[in-house]
Amino acid sequence: MLKWPKIINKTLSVKLSLMVVCEIALLLFVALAVMFYFARQTLKAEAMRNAEQTLESTVQHIDNILLSVEQATGNIYWNLLGKMNNREQMFHYCQTVIESNSYIVGCAIAMDPNFYEDKKPFMAYVHRKGFNNESEELVMAKAFGGKPYTQQTWYTEPLTEGHACWMEPVKDTPNDEAVTCFSLPLYDGNWKPIGVLSVDVSLALLSQIVLDAKPSINGYSTLLGKNGAFLVHPDPVKLSHETVFTQCENGADPSVRIAAEAMVNGERGYKQFVMNGEDWYVFYRPFERSAVPGRAMEELKWSVGVVYPEEDIFGDYNLLLTIVLVIAIIGMLLTWVLCTLITHRQLEPLHLLTESAERIARGHYGETIPDSRRKDEIGRLQFHFQQMQRALAERMSQLQQSKETLQERNSVLKQTYTQTQEADRVKTAFLHNMTNQMIGPADAIVKSVTELCEHYHDNTRQEAAGNVDIIQQEGQVITDLLNSLIETAESEKGKEERV
C-alpha cells in the first residue's frame, strides 16, 4: 500500500490520469447526485399520487361494503316496524338479514326489557358459524358477549345518539373474532325507542376483501378506528387483540406512534416509520363516506391508510442507483487505465529525456539524444535538449583538453620544482661545506692575529714572521674558497637564465 503514493509522485502519466479521472468523477457524481435527487423527488411525488388514488379506491371499496350493509339492514328495518310484538319472528328477520348480504356475519334484535308484557329482556341473535362465507350454517342464540346486552355499546350507543351508527370493534363475540357493528334504534308509533337492530361485519372478512386489492407487492391497506383499533389489517391477531397504541407499548419504534397519532387525529398526508428494522411509508386520510339520500352521515372518525415498504417505492430507484454507481466506478477505472496508457505514450519522449539527463548527470556527456518528429512542446523540448547536450559535450571536450594541458604543465612545474628543491639542497650542502672549510683557516687567522696583537713586544722577529705566514696561507685558503663559491653561483645563475 505504501508503494502507491511513491508511484503516483514519481510517475507523471499516473498523476495526470488521476487528475483527469478525479475531475471527470467529480462532475459525473455531481450530475448523478442532482439527477437522482430529482428522480427520487419525482418517484416520491408519483408514490403520493398513486397512494392518493389507492386511498380513494380503498375508501370507495370500504364505503361500498358499509353502504351495502346499511342498505340491507335498512330494508329489514322497515319490514320489522310494526311486527316486533312477535318474538319468534325476530330470529327470522335476523336470518333474512344475514342471507341478504354476504358481508354480514351476524344480526341481533334486542328489545327494551319493558317492551313485552312479561317485562323480561329479549334478544334474538343469529350468526354464521365461524364467521366465514365457506359455511352457510347459521347459529341462533339469545345472548351476545359475556354481559347483558343492555350494558353493551352496540345497544346503548344508538339509543343514546338517537340515530344509526357504526361501532368501534367488538372483540367479545361467540367465535372470539373481532367485528364492527352497525346499529339502528327501533321506535314505536310514537317514536319512542324500544330496541336496537344491529348487524355484525367481520373485520377479518372486511380485511380480506380490502387487502385482495394490494396497493403494491408488499404493501397493504389499513383502517383505524377513532381509538386506534384496527378495522382492516393483514394480521388477524391485531384485529382481535391490539390497537396501534398497544403495539407501540409492546416495543414498536416511536415513529409508529407518531404516524398512528396523526391518523387518529384525522390528519391527511404521509409519514415514514420503522417496522421490524425496515423503513416504511404510510399515506393516510380520514375515512369519508359518500353522501346518499336517507343515509346517516355521522362522523365515524376513522382513518384509512396505505402502507408501503420503502423497497416498493424506491426499490427500482435504489437498484438503478446501484447499477449506475457500479457502471460509473468501472467506467472511471477504465478511463483511468486508458488515460494512463495514452498519457504514458505521449510522455514517452520525456521519459527518454529523463533517462538521458540522468546518464548525463552521471558524467556520460556524450549521451546521444535522438531526433524527434513531433512539433509540439515535447518535440521542441527534445530539440533544445539535444542542442544543450551537444553544446555541453563540446564544452566538456574543451575542458578536458584544458585539463590535459594543465596536467602537462603541472607535471613540468612539478619536475622543475623538484629540480629546484634539489638545487637548493645542493647549494645548502655546498655552503655548509664551504662554511665548514672556512672555519679552520678563519680560526687560525684569528689566533695568529691575536698572538701578534697581544705579544708583539715579546715575540721575536721569526715568531712574528711565522704568524704572518700563517695569516697569509689561511687567508689564501679562504680566498680560494670564496672564488670557488662565486664561480658556482655564476654557473647556477646562467642555468636559471637559460631555463
Protein backbone atom coordinates (compact mmCIF):
# COMPACT_ATOMS: atom_id res chain seq x y z
CA MET A 1 0.00 0.00 0.00
CA LEU A 2 2.87 2.39 0.71
CA LYS A 3 4.24 1.96 -2.82
CA TRP A 4 1.27 3.64 -4.50
CA PRO A 5 1.98 7.19 -3.21
CA LYS A 6 5.58 6.83 -4.39
CA ILE A 7 4.45 5.60 -7.81
CA ILE A 8 1.97 8.47 -8.11
CA ASN A 9 4.55 11.05 -7.06
CA LYS A 10 7.21 9.69 -9.42
CA THR A 11 5.05 8.91 -12.45
CA LEU A 12 3.71 11.93 -14.31
CA SER A 13 1.36 9.89 -16.50
CA VAL A 14 -0.32 8.34 -13.45
CA LYS A 15 -0.61 11.72 -11.76
CA LEU A 16 -2.12 13.38 -14.84
CA SER A 17 -4.51 10.45 -15.33
CA LEU A 18 -5.65 10.65 -11.72
CA MET A 19 -6.24 14.38 -12.06
CA VAL A 20 -8.32 13.87 -15.21
CA VAL A 21 -10.28 10.97 -13.70
CA CYS A 22 -10.90 12.87 -10.46
CA GLU A 23 -12.26 15.87 -12.34
CA ILE A 24 -14.46 13.67 -14.51
CA ALA A 25 -15.60 11.70 -11.45
CA LEU A 26 -16.44 14.91 -9.60
CA LEU A 27 -18.51 16.24 -12.49
CA LEU A 28 -20.12 12.84 -13.07
CA PHE A 29 -21.08 12.25 -9.46
CA VAL A 30 -22.39 15.79 -9.06
CA ALA A 31 -24.53 15.29 -12.17
CA LEU A 32 -25.68 11.89 -10.93
CA ALA A 33 -26.45 13.28 -7.48
CA VAL A 34 -28.59 16.05 -8.96
CA MET A 35 -30.29 13.64 -11.36
CA PHE A 36 -31.03 11.04 -8.71
CA TYR A 37 -32.19 13.69 -6.26
CA PHE A 38 -34.82 14.93 -8.67
CA ALA A 39 -35.59 11.34 -9.70
CA ARG A 40 -36.22 10.47 -6.06
CA GLN A 41 -38.42 13.52 -5.65
CA THR A 42 -40.32 12.52 -8.79
CA LEU A 43 -40.73 8.97 -7.52
CA LYS A 44 -41.96 10.26 -4.17
CA ALA A 45 -44.44 12.56 -5.92
CA GLU A 46 -45.55 9.65 -8.11
CA ALA A 47 -45.89 7.47 -5.00
CA MET A 48 -48.02 10.21 -3.42
CA ARG A 49 -50.30 10.29 -6.46
CA ASN A 50 -50.54 6.51 -6.54
CA ALA A 51 -51.20 6.46 -2.80
CA GLU A 52 -53.94 9.08 -3.18
CA GLN A 53 -55.55 7.00 -5.91
CA THR A 54 -55.19 3.84 -3.83
CA LEU A 55 -56.58 5.60 -0.78
CA GLU A 56 -59.51 6.87 -2.79
CA SER A 57 -60.24 3.43 -4.25
CA THR A 58 -59.80 1.83 -0.80
CA VAL A 59 -62.17 4.32 0.80
CA GLN A 60 -64.66 3.75 -2.02
CA HIS A 61 -64.33 0.00 -1.67
CA ILE A 62 -64.85 0.02 2.09
CA ASP A 63 -67.65 2.54 1.79
CA ASN A 64 -69.41 0.35 -0.78
CA ILE A 65 -69.26 -2.55 1.67
CA LEU A 66 -70.56 -0.40 4.50
CA LEU A 67 -73.27 1.08 2.30
CA SER A 68 -74.46 -2.36 1.19
CA VAL A 69 -74.60 -3.42 4.85
CA GLU A 70 -76.52 -0.26 5.76
CA GLN A 71 -78.99 -0.74 2.90
CA ALA A 72 -79.58 -4.43 3.71
CA THR A 73 -80.12 -3.52 7.36
CA GLY A 74 -82.40 -0.63 6.41
CA ASN A 75 -84.56 -2.87 4.24
CA ILE A 76 -85.16 -5.27 7.14
CA TYR A 77 -85.63 -2.32 9.46
CA TRP A 78 -88.70 -1.11 7.54
CA ASN A 79 -90.09 -4.64 7.29
CA LEU A 80 -89.56 -5.06 11.01
CA LEU A 81 -91.54 -1.99 12.10
CA GLY A 82 -94.98 -2.95 13.32
CA LYS A 83 -94.11 -6.63 13.68
CA MET A 84 -91.92 -6.53 16.76
CA ASN A 85 -94.61 -7.99 19.03
CA ASN A 86 -93.94 -11.45 17.58
CA ARG A 87 -90.81 -12.68 19.32
CA GLU A 88 -90.38 -15.75 17.17
CA GLN A 89 -90.30 -13.64 14.01
CA MET A 90 -87.25 -11.78 15.30
CA PHE A 91 -84.99 -14.77 14.58
CA HIS A 92 -86.45 -14.98 11.09
CA TYR A 93 -85.64 -11.34 10.39
CA CYS A 94 -82.10 -11.82 11.71
CA GLN A 95 -81.62 -14.79 9.42
CA THR A 96 -83.04 -12.86 6.46
CA VAL A 97 -80.55 -10.01 7.02
CA ILE A 98 -77.59 -12.40 7.06
CA GLU A 99 -78.76 -14.24 3.97
CA SER A 100 -79.35 -10.98 2.07
CA ASN A 101 -75.79 -9.73 2.41
CA SER A 102 -72.60 -11.78 2.32
CA TYR A 103 -70.68 -9.18 4.31
CA ILE A 104 -72.98 -9.56 7.33
CA VAL A 105 -71.90 -12.42 9.61
CA GLY A 106 -74.31 -11.80 12.48
CA CYS A 107 -77.51 -9.97 13.32
CA ALA A 108 -79.09 -9.09 16.67
CA ILE A 109 -82.51 -7.67 17.53
CA ALA A 110 -82.62 -6.58 21.18
CA MET A 111 -85.75 -5.11 22.71
CA ASP A 112 -86.18 -2.86 25.68
CA PRO A 113 -86.77 -5.03 28.80
CA ASN A 114 -90.11 -3.26 29.39
CA PHE A 115 -91.35 -3.68 25.83
CA TYR A 116 -93.10 -7.01 26.34
CA GLU A 117 -95.78 -7.62 28.93
CA ASP A 118 -93.70 -10.03 30.96
CA LYS A 119 -91.06 -7.27 31.38
CA LYS A 120 -88.29 -9.69 30.54
CA PRO A 121 -85.26 -8.80 28.40
CA PHE A 122 -85.42 -10.26 24.91
CA MET A 123 -82.68 -10.64 22.31
CA ALA A 124 -82.63 -12.63 19.08
CA TYR A 125 -79.14 -13.28 17.69
CA VAL A 126 -78.18 -15.25 14.58
CA HIS A 127 -74.62 -15.60 13.29
CA ARG A 128 -72.68 -17.57 10.79
CA LYS A 129 -70.72 -20.44 12.20
CA GLY A 130 -67.06 -19.47 12.12
CA PHE A 131 -67.78 -16.00 10.66
CA ASN A 132 -66.83 -17.01 7.14
CA ASN A 133 -68.59 -17.42 3.86
CA GLU A 134 -67.48 -21.00 3.38
CA SER A 135 -70.11 -22.25 5.85
CA GLU A 136 -73.80 -21.46 5.39
CA GLU A 137 -74.75 -22.90 8.77
CA LEU A 138 -76.47 -20.29 10.90
CA VAL A 139 -76.50 -20.46 14.67
CA MET A 140 -79.26 -18.92 16.78
CA ALA A 141 -78.67 -17.58 20.27
CA LYS A 142 -80.29 -15.35 22.83
CA ALA A 143 -77.13 -13.68 24.06
CA PHE A 144 -74.12 -11.82 22.68
CA GLY A 145 -70.92 -11.37 24.67
CA GLY A 146 -70.23 -12.05 28.31
CA LYS A 147 -72.52 -9.42 29.83
CA PRO A 148 -76.18 -8.34 29.44
CA TYR A 149 -76.87 -6.72 26.11
CA THR A 150 -78.31 -3.68 27.90
CA GLN A 151 -74.74 -2.91 29.05
CA GLN A 152 -73.08 -3.30 25.66
CA THR A 153 -72.22 -0.29 23.49
CA TRP A 154 -73.82 -1.65 20.30
CA TYR A 155 -77.15 -1.44 22.18
CA THR A 156 -76.72 1.63 24.39
CA GLU A 157 -74.99 4.00 21.94
CA PRO A 158 -77.63 4.12 19.16
CA LEU A 159 -80.35 4.64 21.79
CA THR A 160 -78.32 7.46 23.32
CA GLU A 161 -77.39 9.08 19.98
CA GLY A 162 -80.87 8.56 18.53
CA HIS A 163 -79.64 7.55 15.05
CA ALA A 164 -77.94 4.74 13.21
CA CYS A 165 -74.20 4.45 13.91
CA TRP A 166 -71.17 2.26 13.36
CA MET A 167 -69.46 0.91 16.45
CA GLU A 168 -65.83 0.55 17.36
CA PRO A 169 -64.56 -3.06 17.05
CA VAL A 170 -66.21 -5.58 19.34
CA LYS A 171 -63.94 -8.48 20.25
CA ASP A 172 -66.08 -10.35 22.79
CA THR A 173 -68.02 -12.47 20.28
CA PRO A 174 -69.23 -16.11 20.27
CA ASN A 175 -66.45 -17.05 17.86
CA ASP A 176 -63.80 -14.84 19.50
CA GLU A 177 -63.46 -12.92 16.26
CA ALA A 178 -63.44 -9.14 16.06
CA VAL A 179 -66.43 -7.48 14.41
CA THR A 180 -67.70 -3.99 13.85
CA CYS A 181 -71.41 -3.39 14.37
CA PHE A 182 -73.91 -1.23 12.55
CA SER A 183 -76.80 -0.47 14.89
CA LEU A 184 -80.16 1.23 14.32
CA PRO A 185 -82.55 2.26 17.09
CA LEU A 186 -86.08 0.82 16.82
CA TYR A 187 -89.05 3.09 17.50
CA ASP A 188 -92.74 2.51 18.15
CA GLY A 189 -95.51 4.52 16.56
CA ASN A 190 -94.82 7.43 18.88
CA TRP A 191 -91.09 7.49 18.01
CA LYS A 192 -90.22 6.13 21.39
CA PRO A 193 -87.04 3.95 21.34
CA ILE A 194 -87.98 0.36 22.06
CA GLY A 195 -84.96 -1.65 20.87
CA VAL A 196 -81.97 -1.94 18.59
CA LEU A 197 -81.30 -3.72 15.31
CA SER A 198 -77.57 -4.45 14.96
CA VAL A 199 -75.58 -6.32 12.34
CA ASP A 200 -72.01 -7.59 12.56
CA VAL A 201 -69.34 -7.25 9.88
CA SER A 202 -66.29 -9.45 10.42
CA LEU A 203 -63.08 -7.42 10.49
CA ALA A 204 -61.20 -10.43 9.14
CA LEU A 205 -63.62 -10.71 6.24
CA LEU A 206 -63.51 -6.95 5.63
CA SER A 207 -59.70 -7.03 5.73
CA GLN A 208 -59.58 -9.94 3.32
CA ILE A 209 -61.83 -8.15 0.83
CA VAL A 210 -59.87 -4.88 1.07
CA LEU A 211 -56.43 -6.49 1.07
CA ASP A 212 -57.16 -8.52 -2.04
CA ALA A 213 -56.58 -5.28 -3.96
CA LYS A 214 -52.93 -4.91 -2.89
CA PRO A 215 -51.50 -1.42 -3.43
CA SER A 216 -48.04 -2.94 -4.12
CA ILE A 217 -46.13 -6.21 -3.87
CA ASN A 218 -45.52 -5.92 -0.12
CA GLY A 219 -47.88 -3.04 0.71
CA TYR A 220 -51.29 -3.23 2.31
CA SER A 221 -54.25 -1.07 3.32
CA THR A 222 -55.32 -0.42 6.87
CA LEU A 223 -58.29 1.18 8.62
CA LEU A 224 -58.09 2.57 12.14
CA GLY A 225 -60.96 3.33 14.46
CA LYS A 226 -61.15 6.51 16.50
CA ASN A 227 -59.34 4.88 19.42
CA GLY A 228 -56.64 3.33 17.23
CA ALA A 229 -58.22 -0.12 16.93
CA PHE A 230 -57.51 -1.98 13.70
CA LEU A 231 -60.58 -2.37 11.49
CA VAL A 232 -58.58 -3.54 8.48
CA HIS A 233 -55.15 -5.16 8.76
CA PRO A 234 -53.43 -8.17 7.17
CA ASP A 235 -52.57 -9.64 10.59
CA PRO A 236 -55.69 -11.25 12.17
CA VAL A 237 -54.06 -11.14 15.61
CA LYS A 238 -54.00 -7.35 15.51
CA LEU A 239 -57.68 -7.31 14.56
CA SER A 240 -58.61 -9.42 17.57
CA HIS A 241 -56.34 -8.20 20.34
CA GLU A 242 -54.47 -4.98 19.60
CA THR A 243 -54.78 -1.32 18.88
CA VAL A 244 -51.97 0.55 17.20
CA PHE A 245 -51.07 2.13 20.55
CA THR A 246 -50.78 -1.18 22.40
CA GLN A 247 -48.47 -2.24 19.60
CA CYS A 248 -46.32 0.82 20.41
CA GLU A 249 -46.30 -0.16 24.09
CA ASN A 250 -45.03 -3.62 23.14
CA GLY A 251 -41.74 -2.31 21.80
CA ALA A 252 -42.58 -0.82 18.42
CA ASP A 253 -40.44 2.02 17.11
CA PRO A 254 -41.53 5.51 18.37
CA SER A 255 -42.07 6.58 14.77
CA VAL A 256 -45.06 4.17 14.64
CA ARG A 257 -46.79 6.13 17.41
CA ILE A 258 -46.17 9.42 15.59
CA ALA A 259 -47.80 8.05 12.43
CA ALA A 260 -50.68 6.50 14.41
CA GLU A 261 -51.42 9.71 16.29
CA ALA A 262 -51.51 11.64 13.01
CA MET A 263 -54.05 9.15 11.62
CA VAL A 264 -56.23 9.07 14.74
CA ASN A 265 -56.23 12.89 14.87
CA GLY A 266 -57.82 12.97 11.42
CA GLU A 267 -54.81 14.39 9.58
CA ARG A 268 -54.07 13.89 5.90
CA GLY A 269 -50.60 13.21 4.45
CA TYR A 270 -47.85 10.67 4.88
CA LYS A 271 -45.31 9.60 7.49
CA GLN A 272 -42.19 7.49 7.47
CA PHE A 273 -41.78 4.92 10.22
CA VAL A 274 -39.62 1.94 11.12
CA MET A 275 -41.07 -1.54 11.49
CA ASN A 276 -39.01 -4.71 12.03
CA GLY A 277 -35.84 -2.78 11.25
CA GLU A 278 -37.09 -1.61 7.82
CA ASP A 279 -38.27 1.78 6.60
CA TRP A 280 -41.96 2.06 5.70
CA TYR A 281 -44.25 4.82 4.46
CA VAL A 282 -47.92 5.24 5.36
CA PHE A 283 -50.15 7.53 3.30
CA TYR A 284 -53.35 8.35 5.17
CA ARG A 285 -56.53 10.39 5.14
CA PRO A 286 -59.78 10.48 7.14
CA PHE A 287 -62.36 7.92 6.09
CA GLU A 288 -65.20 9.84 4.49
CA ARG A 289 -68.43 8.19 3.40
CA SER A 290 -70.33 9.07 0.28
CA ALA A 291 -73.47 11.13 0.80
CA VAL A 292 -76.50 9.01 -0.14
CA PRO A 293 -80.14 10.12 0.39
CA GLY A 294 -81.51 8.65 3.62
CA ARG A 295 -78.05 7.67 4.88
CA ALA A 296 -76.99 8.60 8.39
CA MET A 297 -73.85 10.71 7.90
CA GLU A 298 -72.47 10.86 11.41
CA GLU A 299 -68.70 11.33 11.60
CA LEU A 300 -67.01 7.96 12.17
CA LYS A 301 -63.57 9.43 12.96
CA TRP A 302 -61.96 6.51 11.17
CA SER A 303 -58.72 6.87 9.23
CA VAL A 304 -57.70 4.86 6.20
CA GLY A 305 -54.08 4.33 5.25
CA VAL A 306 -51.98 2.67 2.60
CA VAL A 307 -48.70 1.22 3.88
CA TYR A 308 -45.70 0.68 1.61
CA PRO A 309 -42.23 -0.61 2.44
CA GLU A 310 -39.59 1.76 1.16
CA GLU A 311 -38.37 -1.01 -1.13
CA ASP A 312 -41.68 -0.96 -3.01
CA ILE A 313 -41.42 2.79 -3.61
CA PHE A 314 -37.70 3.20 -4.16
CA GLY A 315 -36.66 -0.39 -4.92
CA ASP A 316 -36.18 0.19 -8.65
CA TYR A 317 -34.61 3.56 -7.89
CA ASN A 318 -32.12 2.00 -5.45
CA LEU A 319 -31.37 -0.80 -7.91
CA LEU A 320 -30.82 1.73 -10.69
CA LEU A 321 -28.64 3.82 -8.38
CA THR A 322 -26.53 0.77 -7.53
CA ILE A 323 -26.19 -0.22 -11.19
CA VAL A 324 -25.27 3.32 -12.25
CA LEU A 325 -22.72 3.65 -9.45
CA VAL A 326 -21.13 0.31 -10.38
CA ILE A 327 -21.03 1.32 -14.05
CA ALA A 328 -19.62 4.74 -13.09
CA ILE A 329 -16.88 3.20 -10.94
CA ILE A 330 -15.97 0.68 -13.64
CA GLY A 331 -16.03 3.50 -16.20
CA MET A 332 -13.75 5.60 -14.02
CA LEU A 333 -11.30 2.72 -13.67
CA LEU A 334 -11.32 2.09 -17.43
CA THR A 335 -10.94 5.81 -18.08
CA TRP A 336 -8.03 5.94 -15.68
CA VAL A 337 -6.33 2.97 -17.36
CA LEU A 338 -6.94 4.43 -20.83
CA CYS A 339 -5.74 7.89 -19.79
CA THR A 340 -2.67 6.35 -18.19
CA LEU A 341 -1.81 4.43 -21.36
CA ILE A 342 -2.38 7.41 -23.65
CA THR A 343 -0.56 9.81 -21.34
CA HIS A 344 2.30 7.37 -20.92
CA ARG A 345 2.59 7.06 -24.71
CA GLN A 346 2.50 10.82 -25.15
CA LEU A 347 5.07 11.36 -22.41
CA GLU A 348 7.44 8.60 -23.58
CA PRO A 349 9.90 11.19 -25.04
CA LEU A 350 10.01 12.89 -21.65
CA HIS A 351 10.79 9.54 -20.08
CA LEU A 352 13.67 9.06 -22.55
CA LEU A 353 14.90 12.61 -21.89
CA THR A 354 14.77 11.92 -18.15
CA GLU A 355 16.92 8.80 -18.55
CA SER A 356 19.35 10.69 -20.80
CA ALA A 357 19.55 13.54 -18.26
CA GLU A 358 20.30 11.02 -15.51
CA ARG A 359 23.13 9.47 -17.56
CA ILE A 360 24.49 12.93 -18.39
CA ALA A 361 24.33 13.81 -14.67
CA ARG A 362 26.44 10.70 -14.01
CA GLY A 363 29.12 12.05 -16.41
CA HIS A 364 28.19 10.48 -19.75
CA TYR A 365 28.31 13.79 -21.62
CA GLY A 366 28.44 12.10 -24.96
CA GLU A 367 24.92 10.65 -24.48
CA THR A 368 23.10 10.75 -27.82
CA ILE A 369 19.68 12.45 -27.85
CA PRO A 370 17.59 11.05 -30.73
CA ASP A 371 15.85 13.36 -33.18
CA SER A 372 12.10 13.98 -32.73
CA ARG A 373 9.47 14.31 -35.44
CA ARG A 374 7.00 15.91 -33.07
CA LYS A 375 6.25 19.63 -33.45
CA ASP A 376 4.56 20.15 -30.09
CA GLU A 377 6.06 21.34 -26.83
CA ILE A 378 7.61 17.95 -26.12
CA GLY A 379 9.23 17.88 -29.60
CA ARG A 380 10.64 21.37 -29.12
CA LEU A 381 11.86 20.42 -25.65
CA GLN A 382 13.63 17.38 -27.08
CA PHE A 383 15.22 19.52 -29.84
CA HIS A 384 16.52 22.16 -27.41
CA PHE A 385 17.68 19.45 -25.01
CA GLN A 386 19.59 17.88 -27.90
CA GLN A 387 21.28 21.23 -28.67
CA MET A 388 22.08 21.70 -24.99
CA GLN A 389 23.61 18.22 -24.83
CA ARG A 390 25.80 18.87 -27.89
CA ALA A 391 26.95 22.23 -26.52
CA LEU A 392 27.65 20.61 -23.18
CA ALA A 393 29.59 17.76 -24.82
CA GLU A 394 31.68 20.27 -26.84
CA ARG A 395 32.34 22.36 -23.78
CA MET A 396 33.28 19.32 -21.75
CA SER A 397 35.66 18.28 -24.53
CA GLN A 398 37.34 21.70 -24.38
CA LEU A 399 37.54 21.46 -20.63
CA GLN A 400 39.06 18.00 -20.97
CA GLN A 401 41.74 19.36 -23.33
CA SER A 402 42.43 22.27 -20.97
CA LYS A 403 42.67 19.81 -18.16
CA GLU A 404 45.20 17.69 -20.02
CA THR A 405 47.27 20.80 -20.88
CA LEU A 406 47.18 21.92 -17.28
CA GLN A 407 48.17 18.45 -16.18
CA GLU A 408 51.18 18.53 -18.55
CA ARG A 409 52.22 21.95 -17.31
CA ASN A 410 51.70 20.87 -13.78
CA SER A 411 53.94 17.88 -14.41
CA VAL A 412 56.66 20.16 -15.82
CA LEU A 413 56.29 22.56 -12.95
CA LYS A 414 56.41 19.70 -10.54
CA GLN A 415 59.58 18.41 -12.15
CA THR A 416 61.11 21.91 -12.13
CA TYR A 417 60.09 22.34 -8.54
CA THR A 418 61.75 19.04 -7.72
CA GLN A 419 64.91 20.11 -9.51
CA THR A 420 64.85 23.47 -7.76
CA GLN A 421 64.46 21.76 -4.44
CA GLU A 422 67.41 19.51 -5.31
CA ALA A 423 69.49 22.53 -6.37
CA ASP A 424 68.60 24.32 -3.17
CA ARG A 425 69.63 21.26 -1.24
CA VAL A 426 72.93 21.08 -3.14
CA LYS A 427 73.52 24.79 -2.57
CA THR A 428 72.78 24.44 1.08
CA ALA A 429 75.12 21.49 1.36
CA PHE A 430 77.79 23.34 -0.66
CA LEU A 431 77.51 26.44 1.51
CA HIS A 432 77.54 24.33 4.60
CA ASN A 433 80.67 22.57 3.31
CA MET A 434 82.33 25.83 2.31
CA THR A 435 81.47 27.35 5.66
CA ASN A 436 82.92 24.39 7.45
CA GLN A 437 86.11 24.66 5.35
CA MET A 438 86.43 28.37 6.15
CA ILE A 439 86.10 27.90 9.88
CA GLY A 440 89.55 26.32 10.29
CA PRO A 441 91.52 28.98 8.34
CA ALA A 442 89.48 31.74 9.96
CA ASP A 443 90.24 30.38 13.41
CA ALA A 444 93.96 30.16 12.51
CA ILE A 445 93.93 33.74 11.23
CA VAL A 446 92.15 34.96 14.35
CA LYS A 447 94.56 33.09 16.55
CA SER A 448 97.64 34.45 14.72
CA VAL A 449 96.29 38.00 14.71
CA THR A 450 95.52 37.69 18.42
CA GLU A 451 99.05 36.40 19.04
CA LEU A 452 100.58 39.31 17.15
CA CYS A 453 98.41 41.89 18.83
CA GLU A 454 98.89 40.67 22.37
CA HIS A 455 102.61 39.66 22.25
CA TYR A 456 104.06 41.83 19.53
CA HIS A 457 106.60 43.25 22.14
CA ASP A 458 107.67 39.83 23.34
CA ASN A 459 107.71 37.86 20.06
CA THR A 460 110.86 37.57 18.12
CA ARG A 461 111.11 38.58 14.57
CA GLN A 462 110.92 34.94 13.43
CA GLU A 463 107.82 34.24 15.51
CA ALA A 464 106.13 37.31 14.10
CA ALA A 465 107.07 36.25 10.57
CA GLY A 466 105.64 32.75 11.27
CA ASN A 467 102.31 34.21 12.37
CA VAL A 468 102.22 36.45 9.29
CA ASP A 469 102.86 33.45 7.07
CA ILE A 470 100.04 31.58 8.75
CA ILE A 471 97.72 34.54 8.23
CA GLN A 472 98.71 34.73 4.54
CA GLN A 473 98.29 31.00 3.97
CA GLU A 474 94.95 30.74 5.72
CA GLY A 475 93.72 33.93 4.00
CA GLN A 476 94.68 32.41 0.67
CA VAL A 477 92.65 29.32 1.56
CA ILE A 478 89.61 31.47 2.36
CA THR A 479 90.16 33.45 -0.81
CA ASP A 480 90.21 30.27 -2.89
CA LEU A 481 87.03 29.02 -1.22
CA LEU A 482 85.26 32.32 -1.90
CA ASN A 483 86.35 32.29 -5.54
CA SER A 484 85.01 28.76 -5.89
CA LEU A 485 81.70 29.89 -4.32
CA ILE A 486 81.46 32.83 -6.72
CA GLU A 487 82.08 30.60 -9.71
CA THR A 488 79.43 28.18 -8.59
CA ALA A 489 76.85 30.98 -8.05
CA GLU A 490 77.55 32.42 -11.51
CA SER A 491 77.19 28.99 -13.06
CA GLU A 492 73.77 28.41 -11.39
CA LYS A 493 72.64 31.87 -12.45
CA GLY A 494 73.46 31.09 -16.02
CA LYS A 495 71.43 27.88 -15.87
CA GLU A 496 68.39 29.71 -14.45
CA GLU A 497 68.61 32.34 -17.18
CA ARG A 498 68.69 29.62 -19.84
CA VAL A 499 65.63 27.97 -18.31
